[in-house]
Amino acid sequence: MVMDVAGGLTGFIVDAVSEVIRIHSSEIQPPPTMVSGNIDQEFITGVFNHAERLLIIMDVDRMFSAQEREYFGSVGD
């Protein structure tokens, strides 16, 4: 997967991608006060209801430390 991390495109190796969808920012709802699973609330920016499934929108930048984000920003310079 290719994502924007710290203002630059970064590639990640993933096991699988089941679906790719386009979500308009106006369709994203605020995260609920309580989310089940092993996801820290601070990493969630919102949720999206898609085909009777609740998709969690993650804040990728917050998943990495400041040092890691600096590294992502400097790769390719």
C-alpha atoms as a PDB file:
ATOM      1  CA  MET A   1       0.000   0.000   0.000  1.00  0.00           C
ATOM      2  CA  VAL A   2       1.151   3.545  -0.649  1.00  0.00           C
ATOM      3  CA  MET A   3       0.161   6.168   1.928  1.00  0.00           C
ATOM      4  CA  ASP A   4       0.919   9.776   2.689  1.00  0.00           C
ATOM      5  CA  VAL A   5       2.974   9.799   5.903  1.00  0.00           C
ATOM      6  CA  ALA A   6       4.510  13.026   7.196  1.00  0.00           C
ATOM      7  CA  GLY A   7       3.788  14.770   3.915  1.00  0.00           C
ATOM      8  CA  GLY A   8       5.481  12.176   1.703  1.00  0.00           C
ATOM      9  CA  LEU A   9       4.419   8.992  -0.046  1.00  0.00           C
ATOM     10  CA  THR A  10       5.550   5.835   1.749  1.00  0.00           C
ATOM     11  CA  GLY A  11       5.088   2.212   0.712  1.00  0.00           C
ATOM     12  CA  PHE A  12       4.050  -0.491   3.168  1.00  0.00           C
ATOM     13  CA  ILE A  13       4.093  -4.244   2.671  1.00  0.00           C
ATOM     14  CA  VAL A  14       0.754  -5.762   3.730  1.00  0.00           C
ATOM     15  CA  ASP A  15      -0.552  -9.325   3.818  1.00  0.00           C
ATOM     16  CA  ALA A  16      -3.648  -8.568   1.755  1.00  0.00           C
ATOM     17  CA  VAL A  17      -6.043  -5.882   0.583  1.00  0.00           C
ATOM     18  CA  SER A  18      -9.659  -6.993   0.400  1.00  0.00           C
ATOM     19  CA  GLU A  19     -11.172  -3.879  -1.150  1.00  0.00           C
ATOM     20  CA  VAL A  20     -10.283  -0.355  -2.231  1.00  0.00           C
ATOM     21  CA  ILE A  21     -12.965   2.300  -1.842  1.00  0.00           C
ATOM     22  CA  ARG A  22     -13.042   6.056  -2.248  1.00  0.00           C
ATOM     23  CA  ILE A  23     -14.496   7.962   0.711  1.00  0.00           C
ATOM     24  CA  HIS A  24     -15.348  11.653   0.615  1.00  0.00           C
ATOM     25  CA  SER A  25     -14.330  13.484   3.785  1.00  0.00           C
ATOM     26  CA  SER A  26     -17.947  14.593   4.344  1.00  0.00           C
ATOM     27  CA  GLU A  27     -18.949  10.915   4.721  1.00  0.00           C
ATOM     28  CA  ILE A  28     -16.583  10.311   7.645  1.00  0.00           C
ATOM     29  CA  GLN A  29     -18.284  10.466  11.026  1.00  0.00           C
ATOM     30  CA  PRO A  30     -16.548  11.321  14.302  1.00  0.00           C
ATOM     31  CA  PRO A  31     -15.230   8.285  16.161  1.00  0.00           C
ATOM     32  CA  PRO A  32     -17.452   6.835  18.869  1.00  0.00           C
ATOM     33  CA  THR A  33     -16.338   7.392  22.448  1.00  0.00           C
ATOM     34  CA  MET A  34     -15.629   3.679  22.799  1.00  0.00           C
ATOM     35  CA  VAL A  35     -14.180   1.395  20.131  1.00  0.00           C
ATOM     36  CA  SER A  36     -13.789  -2.335  20.633  1.00  0.00           C
ATOM     37  CA  GLY A  37     -10.652  -4.188  19.640  1.00  0.00           C
ATOM     38  CA  ASN A  38      -7.017  -3.421  20.279  1.00  0.00           C
ATOM     39  CA  ILE A  39      -6.934   0.030  18.665  1.00  0.00           C
ATOM     40  CA  ASP A  40      -5.922   3.019  20.775  1.00  0.00           C
ATOM     41  CA  GLN A  41      -8.523   5.770  20.516  1.00  0.00           C
ATOM     42  CA  GLU A  42      -5.837   8.375  19.738  1.00  0.00           C
ATOM     43  CA  PHE A  43      -5.123   6.752  16.353  1.00  0.00           C
ATOM     44  CA  ILE A  44      -8.729   6.953  15.129  1.00  0.00           C
ATOM     45  CA  THR A  45      -9.842  10.025  13.179  1.00  0.00           C
ATOM     46  CA  GLY A  46     -13.317   8.790  12.296  1.00  0.00           C
ATOM     47  CA  VAL A  47     -15.553   5.973  11.134  1.00  0.00           C
ATOM     48  CA  PHE A  48     -17.391   5.208   7.902  1.00  0.00           C
ATOM     49  CA  ASN A  49     -20.420   2.953   7.450  1.00  0.00           C
ATOM     50  CA  HIS A  50     -19.903   0.885   4.267  1.00  0.00           C
ATOM     51  CA  ALA A  51     -22.062  -2.058   3.172  1.00  0.00           C
ATOM     52  CA  GLU A  52     -23.320  -2.571   6.727  1.00  0.00           C
ATOM     53  CA  ARG A  53     -19.746  -2.609   8.067  1.00  0.00           C
ATOM     54  CA  LEU A  54     -18.181   0.045  10.259  1.00  0.00           C
ATOM     55  CA  LEU A  55     -14.770   0.975   8.844  1.00  0.00           C
ATOM     56  CA  ILE A  56     -12.298   2.709  11.146  1.00  0.00           C
ATOM     57  CA  ILE A  57     -10.332   5.603   9.638  1.00  0.00           C
ATOM     58  CA  MET A  58      -6.832   5.630  11.126  1.00  0.00           C
ATOM     59  CA  ASP A  59      -4.534   8.646  11.490  1.00  0.00           C
ATOM     60  CA  VAL A  60      -1.378   7.125   9.982  1.00  0.00           C
ATOM     61  CA  ASP A  61       0.839  10.032  11.070  1.00  0.00           C
ATOM     62  CA  ARG A  62      -0.057   9.451  14.725  1.00  0.00           C
ATOM     63  CA  MET A  63       0.901   5.771  14.488  1.00  0.00           C
ATOM     64  CA  PHE A  64       4.581   6.715  14.174  1.00  0.00           C
ATOM     65  CA  SER A  65       6.897   8.576  16.534  1.00  0.00           C
ATOM     66  CA  ALA A  66       8.290  12.005  15.615  1.00  0.00           C
ATOM     67  CA  GLN A  67      11.631  10.370  14.811  1.00  0.00           C
ATOM     68  CA  GLU A  68       9.963   7.837  12.494  1.00  0.00           C
ATOM     69  CA  ARG A  69       7.991  10.599  10.736  1.00  0.00           C
ATOM     70  CA  GLU A  70      11.225  12.544  10.219  1.00  0.00           C
ATOM     71  CA  TYR A  71      12.758   9.460   8.640  1.00  0.00           C
ATOM     72  CA  PHE A  72       9.777   9.040   6.293  1.00  0.00           C
ATOM     73  CA  GLY A  73      10.069  12.700   5.314  1.00  0.00           C
ATOM     74  CA  SER A  74      13.784  12.399   4.526  1.00  0.00           C
ATOM     75  CA  VAL A  75      13.704   9.186   2.481  1.00  0.00           C
ATOM     76  CA  GLY A  76      14.394   9.903  -1.156  1.00  0.00           C
ATOM     77  CA  ASP A  77      16.178  13.228  -0.507  1.00  0.00           C
END
